[in-house]
Amino acid sequence: MRFNRIAAIAFLICSLALLNFPAVQGKNASPSVAADSDYVSALAAANHFLHAWQNQDREIGLAMLSDAVKNTSSEDSLQTFFSPGGEAAYEISHGKKLKRGAYLFPVSLFASEFKSAHPHTSEIVVVQTSKDDWAIDKLP
């Protein structure tokens, strides 16, 4: 009799755990990503670019810009962009494919220049310029 009661309790606990698993997974799980090699390369390029921004490395950042961004951005605006201050940080969220060779990533930039506890939220667009090269086609 005692064995049946223990088995019933164990079965009930396991059943409840299995019933709750999808609900817990749905709240905390990241969206499934079809992480093909282009997505991973575009994400790496976005990360590399934002790391240059964080470290105020204007030379690397400028080298990663597409010609379209270089031609439409003033020297002053680029100088300001690559001067986030000493306490700069960023977050890159799950991206989406815009078209073949182009990805959009929502980003949050944290910098002392914003004079607010809230991040600057924006998007960065990364485009493929050749087989293994990626460029930033929209600044956050």
Protein backbone atom coordinates (compact mmCIF):
# COMPACT_ATOMS: atom_id res chain seq x y z
CA MET A 1 0.00 0.00 0.00
CA ARG A 2 2.80 2.42 0.92
CA PHE A 3 4.61 1.73 -2.39
CA ASN A 4 1.45 2.56 -4.39
CA ARG A 5 1.05 5.87 -2.55
CA ILE A 6 4.70 6.84 -3.23
CA ALA A 7 4.39 5.80 -6.88
CA ALA A 8 1.17 7.82 -7.24
CA ILE A 9 2.78 10.92 -5.72
CA ALA A 10 5.87 10.54 -7.95
CA PHE A 11 3.63 10.11 -11.01
CA LEU A 12 1.64 13.21 -10.06
CA ILE A 13 4.80 15.31 -9.58
CA CYS A 14 6.26 14.16 -12.91
CA SER A 15 2.97 14.82 -14.70
CA LEU A 16 2.74 18.34 -13.31
CA ALA A 17 6.34 19.03 -14.25
CA LEU A 18 5.75 17.88 -17.81
CA LEU A 19 2.55 19.91 -18.10
CA ASN A 20 4.33 23.07 -16.94
CA PHE A 21 7.44 22.61 -19.09
CA PRO A 22 6.01 24.22 -22.29
CA ALA A 23 4.73 27.22 -20.31
CA VAL A 24 8.10 27.79 -18.66
CA GLN A 25 9.96 27.24 -21.90
CA GLY A 26 7.66 29.67 -23.76
CA LYS A 27 8.37 32.50 -21.31
CA ASN A 28 12.13 32.11 -21.03
CA ALA A 29 13.26 30.56 -24.29
CA SER A 30 14.89 32.60 -27.00
CA PRO A 31 13.13 32.64 -30.33
CA SER A 32 14.28 29.84 -32.53
CA VAL A 33 16.82 31.10 -35.00
CA ALA A 34 17.59 29.62 -38.34
CA ALA A 35 21.23 30.49 -37.83
CA ASP A 36 22.64 29.89 -41.27
CA SER A 37 26.20 30.98 -42.00
CA ASP A 38 25.08 34.35 -43.42
CA TYR A 39 23.11 35.18 -40.26
CA VAL A 40 26.08 34.30 -38.08
CA SER A 41 28.45 36.36 -40.25
CA ALA A 42 26.10 39.36 -40.19
CA LEU A 43 25.71 39.09 -36.41
CA ALA A 44 29.49 38.87 -36.00
CA ALA A 45 29.91 41.99 -38.15
CA ALA A 46 27.33 43.89 -36.08
CA ASN A 47 29.08 42.82 -32.90
CA HIS A 48 32.50 43.80 -34.26
CA PHE A 49 31.21 47.21 -35.33
CA LEU A 50 29.52 47.92 -32.01
CA HIS A 51 32.63 46.80 -30.17
CA ALA A 52 34.55 49.43 -32.17
CA TRP A 53 31.89 51.99 -31.14
CA GLN A 54 32.19 50.94 -27.49
CA ASN A 55 35.98 51.31 -27.59
CA GLN A 56 35.81 54.59 -29.53
CA ASP A 57 37.82 52.95 -32.32
CA ARG A 58 36.79 55.27 -35.14
CA GLU A 59 39.25 53.75 -37.63
CA ILE A 60 37.81 50.24 -37.44
CA GLY A 61 34.25 51.56 -37.30
CA LEU A 62 34.68 53.72 -40.39
CA ALA A 63 36.28 50.85 -42.30
CA MET A 64 33.15 48.77 -41.67
CA LEU A 65 30.68 51.34 -43.06
CA SER A 66 29.08 50.85 -46.45
CA ASP A 67 29.74 53.47 -49.13
CA ALA A 68 26.12 54.63 -48.83
CA VAL A 69 26.52 55.41 -45.12
CA LYS A 70 29.90 57.08 -45.66
CA ASN A 71 28.43 59.30 -48.39
CA THR A 72 25.39 60.37 -46.35
CA SER A 73 27.04 60.92 -42.95
CA SER A 74 28.91 64.06 -42.03
CA GLU A 75 32.35 63.96 -40.43
CA ASP A 76 30.91 65.67 -37.35
CA SER A 77 28.12 63.12 -36.92
CA LEU A 78 30.55 60.22 -37.28
CA GLN A 79 32.96 61.83 -34.80
CA THR A 80 30.11 62.23 -32.32
CA PHE A 81 28.89 58.67 -32.89
CA PHE A 82 32.31 57.18 -32.18
CA SER A 83 32.67 59.17 -28.96
CA PRO A 84 30.21 57.45 -26.59
CA GLY A 85 32.18 58.17 -23.42
CA GLY A 86 33.90 55.92 -20.91
CA GLU A 87 30.96 53.80 -19.79
CA ALA A 88 29.63 52.58 -23.13
CA ALA A 89 27.91 49.24 -23.62
CA TYR A 90 25.52 47.65 -26.11
CA GLU A 91 23.02 44.84 -26.55
CA ILE A 92 22.17 43.17 -29.83
CA SER A 93 18.76 41.50 -30.08
CA HIS A 94 17.56 38.73 -32.34
CA GLY A 95 17.94 39.83 -35.94
CA LYS A 96 15.87 39.25 -39.00
CA LYS A 97 16.68 38.74 -42.63
CA LEU A 98 15.56 41.65 -44.80
CA LYS A 99 16.60 40.02 -48.05
CA ARG A 100 19.44 37.88 -49.24
CA GLY A 101 22.65 39.33 -47.82
CA ALA A 102 20.94 41.91 -45.58
CA TYR A 103 20.03 41.61 -41.90
CA LEU A 104 18.50 44.00 -39.39
CA PHE A 105 19.41 43.79 -35.69
CA PRO A 106 17.64 45.79 -32.98
CA VAL A 107 20.25 47.29 -30.67
CA SER A 108 20.36 49.17 -27.39
CA LEU A 109 23.25 51.54 -26.80
CA PHE A 110 24.22 52.61 -23.30
CA ALA A 111 26.53 55.61 -23.08
CA SER A 112 27.30 58.43 -20.68
CA GLU A 113 26.63 60.92 -23.50
CA PHE A 114 22.91 60.06 -23.43
CA LYS A 115 22.62 61.58 -19.91
CA SER A 116 19.86 59.14 -19.08
CA ALA A 117 19.57 55.75 -17.44
CA HIS A 118 17.60 54.61 -20.47
CA PRO A 119 19.41 53.17 -23.46
CA HIS A 120 19.23 54.56 -26.96
CA THR A 121 17.27 51.90 -28.87
CA SER A 122 17.68 51.65 -32.59
CA GLU A 123 18.51 49.25 -35.41
CA ILE A 124 21.62 48.36 -37.29
CA VAL A 125 21.53 46.97 -40.83
CA VAL A 126 24.34 44.74 -42.02
CA VAL A 127 24.78 43.95 -45.71
CA GLN A 128 26.99 41.53 -47.55
CA THR A 129 29.40 43.33 -49.86
CA SER A 130 31.26 40.29 -51.16
CA LYS A 131 31.49 36.59 -50.39
CA ASP A 132 33.12 37.06 -46.99
CA ASP A 133 32.73 40.79 -46.33
CA TRP A 134 29.94 42.55 -44.48
CA ALA A 135 29.33 46.28 -44.01
CA ILE A 136 27.15 48.43 -41.81
CA ASP A 137 24.47 49.98 -44.02
CA LYS A 138 22.50 51.78 -41.31
CA LEU A 139 23.92 53.31 -38.17
CA PRO A 140 22.03 52.89 -34.91
